[in-house]
Amino acid sequence: MRSALRQRGFTLIELLIVVAIIGLLAAMLIPNLLDAMQKAKQKKTMADCRLLGGAMMGWLTDTVSAAAAGAVTTEVNLSSYTSITVDALATELVPTYIQTIPTYDGWKRSYDLYLDTVVPIDKHVMGIRSAGQGNEVAGDKYTSGSFEPTDYAQDIVWTDGFFVRWPQKMT
């Protein structure tokens, strides 16, 4: 009769062990998941910069005979560029050079767009900047070079056909 009254189930110790195992797994996996999400945002931002920059370069080459992309420079000062709005840029590029202008980076913040259609050969003509995860730009002067890919607060800057600031091993 005693065995008939006995109910089957988990003991408190068994439940605590299962909860502890789940907690350990979550503690190991959640930071990796969060890092992967930030890395994906960085990659989206870089892809947008390449896409929009290529469209800008194509338009400039067709309309004002801009210099070829990829000119080597070690320093860029974005204050020498002319800021442009997304709407003004869209009137020039959509739909011939690009279907839609990416307006937000991976962190859902607006890009800083620069375009100067008066193109002397030695002047920078276009730029795209994302302030990164921190949404605070580091200033207008950038020395060409990469940064640690896990530093998501860094600015990502594309100018005149190449990246000036970018996460290393992602170009």
Protein backbone atom coordinates (compact mmCIF):
# COMPACT_ATOMS: atom_id res chain seq x y z
CA MET A 1 0.00 0.00 0.00
CA ARG A 2 2.86 2.29 0.76
CA SER A 3 4.31 1.97 -2.75
CA ALA A 4 0.94 2.77 -4.27
CA LEU A 5 0.81 6.09 -2.41
CA ARG A 6 4.31 7.04 -3.41
CA GLN A 7 4.35 9.53 -6.29
CA ARG A 8 7.07 9.57 -8.87
CA GLY A 9 8.87 12.85 -9.60
CA PHE A 10 12.12 14.72 -9.33
CA THR A 11 13.82 15.35 -6.05
CA LEU A 12 14.83 18.83 -5.01
CA ILE A 13 18.50 17.96 -5.53
CA GLU A 14 17.87 16.81 -9.11
CA LEU A 15 15.99 20.03 -9.91
CA LEU A 16 18.77 22.17 -8.43
CA ILE A 17 21.39 20.36 -10.50
CA VAL A 18 19.40 20.91 -13.71
CA VAL A 19 18.91 24.61 -12.91
CA ALA A 20 22.64 24.98 -12.16
CA ILE A 21 23.59 23.35 -15.47
CA ILE A 22 21.19 25.60 -17.41
CA GLY A 23 22.63 28.64 -15.59
CA LEU A 24 26.20 27.65 -16.51
CA LEU A 25 25.28 27.15 -20.15
CA ALA A 26 23.51 30.52 -20.28
CA ALA A 27 26.49 32.24 -18.63
CA MET A 28 28.78 30.86 -21.34
CA LEU A 29 26.52 31.39 -24.36
CA ILE A 30 24.89 34.80 -23.76
CA PRO A 31 28.12 36.88 -23.94
CA ASN A 32 29.06 35.14 -27.20
CA LEU A 33 25.60 35.81 -28.61
CA LEU A 34 25.78 39.50 -27.68
CA ASP A 35 29.24 39.80 -29.24
CA ALA A 36 28.02 38.13 -32.44
CA MET A 37 25.12 40.59 -32.63
CA GLN A 38 27.49 43.59 -32.35
CA LYS A 39 29.81 42.09 -34.96
CA ALA A 40 26.84 41.68 -37.32
CA LYS A 41 25.95 45.35 -36.83
CA GLN A 42 29.54 46.31 -37.68
CA LYS A 43 29.47 44.19 -40.83
CA LYS A 44 26.13 45.68 -41.91
CA THR A 45 27.54 49.18 -41.46
CA MET A 46 30.63 48.36 -43.52
CA ALA A 47 28.53 46.77 -46.28
CA ASP A 48 26.30 49.86 -46.40
CA CYS A 49 29.36 52.12 -46.64
CA ARG A 50 30.77 50.10 -49.53
CA LEU A 51 27.44 50.03 -51.35
CA LEU A 52 26.62 53.70 -50.90
CA GLY A 53 30.22 54.75 -51.52
CA GLY A 54 30.30 52.82 -54.78
CA ALA A 55 27.08 54.49 -55.91
CA MET A 56 28.45 57.92 -54.98
CA MET A 57 31.71 57.20 -56.83
CA GLY A 58 29.81 56.02 -59.91
CA TRP A 59 27.63 59.13 -59.94
CA LEU A 60 30.59 61.46 -59.44
CA THR A 61 32.57 59.73 -62.16
CA ASP A 62 29.66 60.05 -64.60
CA THR A 63 28.72 63.64 -63.78
CA VAL A 64 31.84 65.52 -62.73
CA SER A 65 34.70 63.19 -63.71
CA ALA A 66 35.87 62.50 -60.18
CA ALA A 67 39.30 60.98 -59.61
CA ALA A 68 39.47 57.20 -59.42
CA ALA A 69 38.73 55.51 -56.12
CA GLY A 70 41.47 54.17 -53.91
CA ALA A 71 43.84 57.12 -53.82
CA VAL A 72 46.20 56.57 -50.92
CA THR A 73 46.05 59.00 -48.04
CA THR A 74 47.06 58.71 -44.41
CA GLU A 75 44.92 61.45 -42.89
CA VAL A 76 41.37 62.62 -43.52
CA ASN A 77 39.69 65.71 -42.10
CA LEU A 78 35.92 65.48 -42.52
CA SER A 79 35.52 69.16 -41.70
CA SER A 80 36.90 69.89 -45.19
CA TYR A 81 33.99 67.93 -46.71
CA THR A 82 30.50 69.33 -47.41
CA SER A 83 27.74 67.68 -45.38
CA ILE A 84 24.72 66.45 -47.34
CA THR A 85 21.31 65.12 -46.33
CA VAL A 86 19.98 61.72 -47.31
CA ASP A 87 17.17 63.35 -49.32
CA ALA A 88 19.58 65.52 -51.32
CA LEU A 89 21.80 62.53 -52.03
CA ALA A 90 18.80 60.41 -53.01
CA THR A 91 17.79 62.90 -55.72
CA GLU A 92 21.16 62.30 -57.39
CA LEU A 93 21.62 58.56 -56.87
CA VAL A 94 18.18 56.86 -56.79
CA PRO A 95 17.31 54.80 -58.87
CA THR A 96 20.17 54.97 -61.38
CA TYR A 97 23.09 54.20 -59.04
CA ILE A 98 21.38 52.62 -56.05
CA GLN A 99 17.80 51.49 -55.34
CA THR A 100 17.56 52.96 -51.84
CA ILE A 101 19.99 54.91 -49.70
CA PRO A 102 20.87 53.15 -46.45
CA THR A 103 19.99 55.79 -43.87
CA TYR A 104 20.86 53.96 -40.65
CA ASP A 105 23.93 52.02 -39.58
CA GLY A 106 23.81 48.70 -37.75
CA TRP A 107 23.00 50.46 -34.47
CA LYS A 108 19.98 52.26 -36.02
CA ARG A 109 21.72 55.65 -36.05
CA SER A 110 21.99 58.01 -39.00
CA TYR A 111 25.12 58.06 -41.12
CA ASP A 112 27.06 61.30 -41.52
CA LEU A 113 27.18 61.87 -45.29
CA TYR A 114 29.59 64.17 -47.10
CA LEU A 115 29.66 65.09 -50.77
CA ASP A 116 31.36 67.89 -52.66
CA THR A 117 30.56 68.14 -56.37
CA VAL A 118 33.19 70.81 -56.99
CA VAL A 119 36.03 68.37 -57.54
CA PRO A 120 39.55 69.69 -57.77
CA ILE A 121 41.88 66.73 -58.32
CA ASP A 122 43.60 67.04 -54.92
CA LYS A 123 40.42 67.51 -52.83
CA HIS A 124 38.43 64.86 -51.03
CA VAL A 125 34.93 64.61 -52.47
CA MET A 126 32.88 62.09 -50.51
CA GLY A 127 32.65 60.51 -47.11
CA ILE A 128 30.42 58.29 -44.99
CA ARG A 129 30.78 57.98 -41.22
CA SER A 130 29.10 55.82 -38.60
CA ALA A 131 29.67 56.77 -34.98
CA GLY A 132 29.55 53.11 -33.96
CA GLN A 133 27.78 51.66 -30.96
CA GLY A 134 28.59 54.59 -28.66
CA ASN A 135 27.06 57.19 -31.03
CA GLU A 136 29.84 59.66 -30.23
CA VAL A 137 32.20 60.64 -33.03
CA ALA A 138 35.88 60.88 -32.19
CA GLY A 139 36.26 64.18 -34.06
CA ASP A 140 36.69 65.09 -37.71
CA LYS A 141 40.36 64.14 -38.18
CA TYR A 142 41.20 60.50 -38.79
CA THR A 143 44.49 58.77 -39.42
CA SER A 144 44.09 55.80 -41.72
CA GLY A 145 44.16 52.51 -39.89
CA SER A 146 42.20 49.68 -38.39
CA PHE A 147 41.03 49.13 -34.83
CA GLU A 148 40.25 46.11 -32.68
CA PRO A 149 37.07 44.51 -34.08
CA THR A 150 35.54 44.12 -30.62
CA ASP A 151 35.76 47.88 -29.94
CA TYR A 152 32.25 48.61 -31.21
CA ALA A 153 32.29 52.26 -30.06
CA GLN A 154 34.89 53.19 -32.72
CA ASP A 155 33.88 55.29 -35.73
CA ILE A 156 33.73 53.55 -39.11
CA VAL A 157 34.76 55.98 -41.86
CA TRP A 158 34.72 55.49 -45.64
CA THR A 159 36.05 58.26 -47.89
CA ASP A 160 36.85 58.58 -51.55
CA GLY A 161 36.80 54.88 -52.37
CA PHE A 162 38.31 53.25 -49.30
CA PHE A 163 37.94 52.79 -45.55
CA VAL A 164 39.92 55.19 -43.40
CA ARG A 165 38.79 53.68 -40.06
CA TRP A 166 37.60 50.08 -39.95
CA PRO A 167 37.65 47.01 -37.70
CA GLN A 168 40.72 44.96 -38.60
CA LYS A 169 40.26 41.70 -40.47
CA MET A 170 36.84 42.79 -41.77
CA THR A 171 37.69 44.57 -45.02
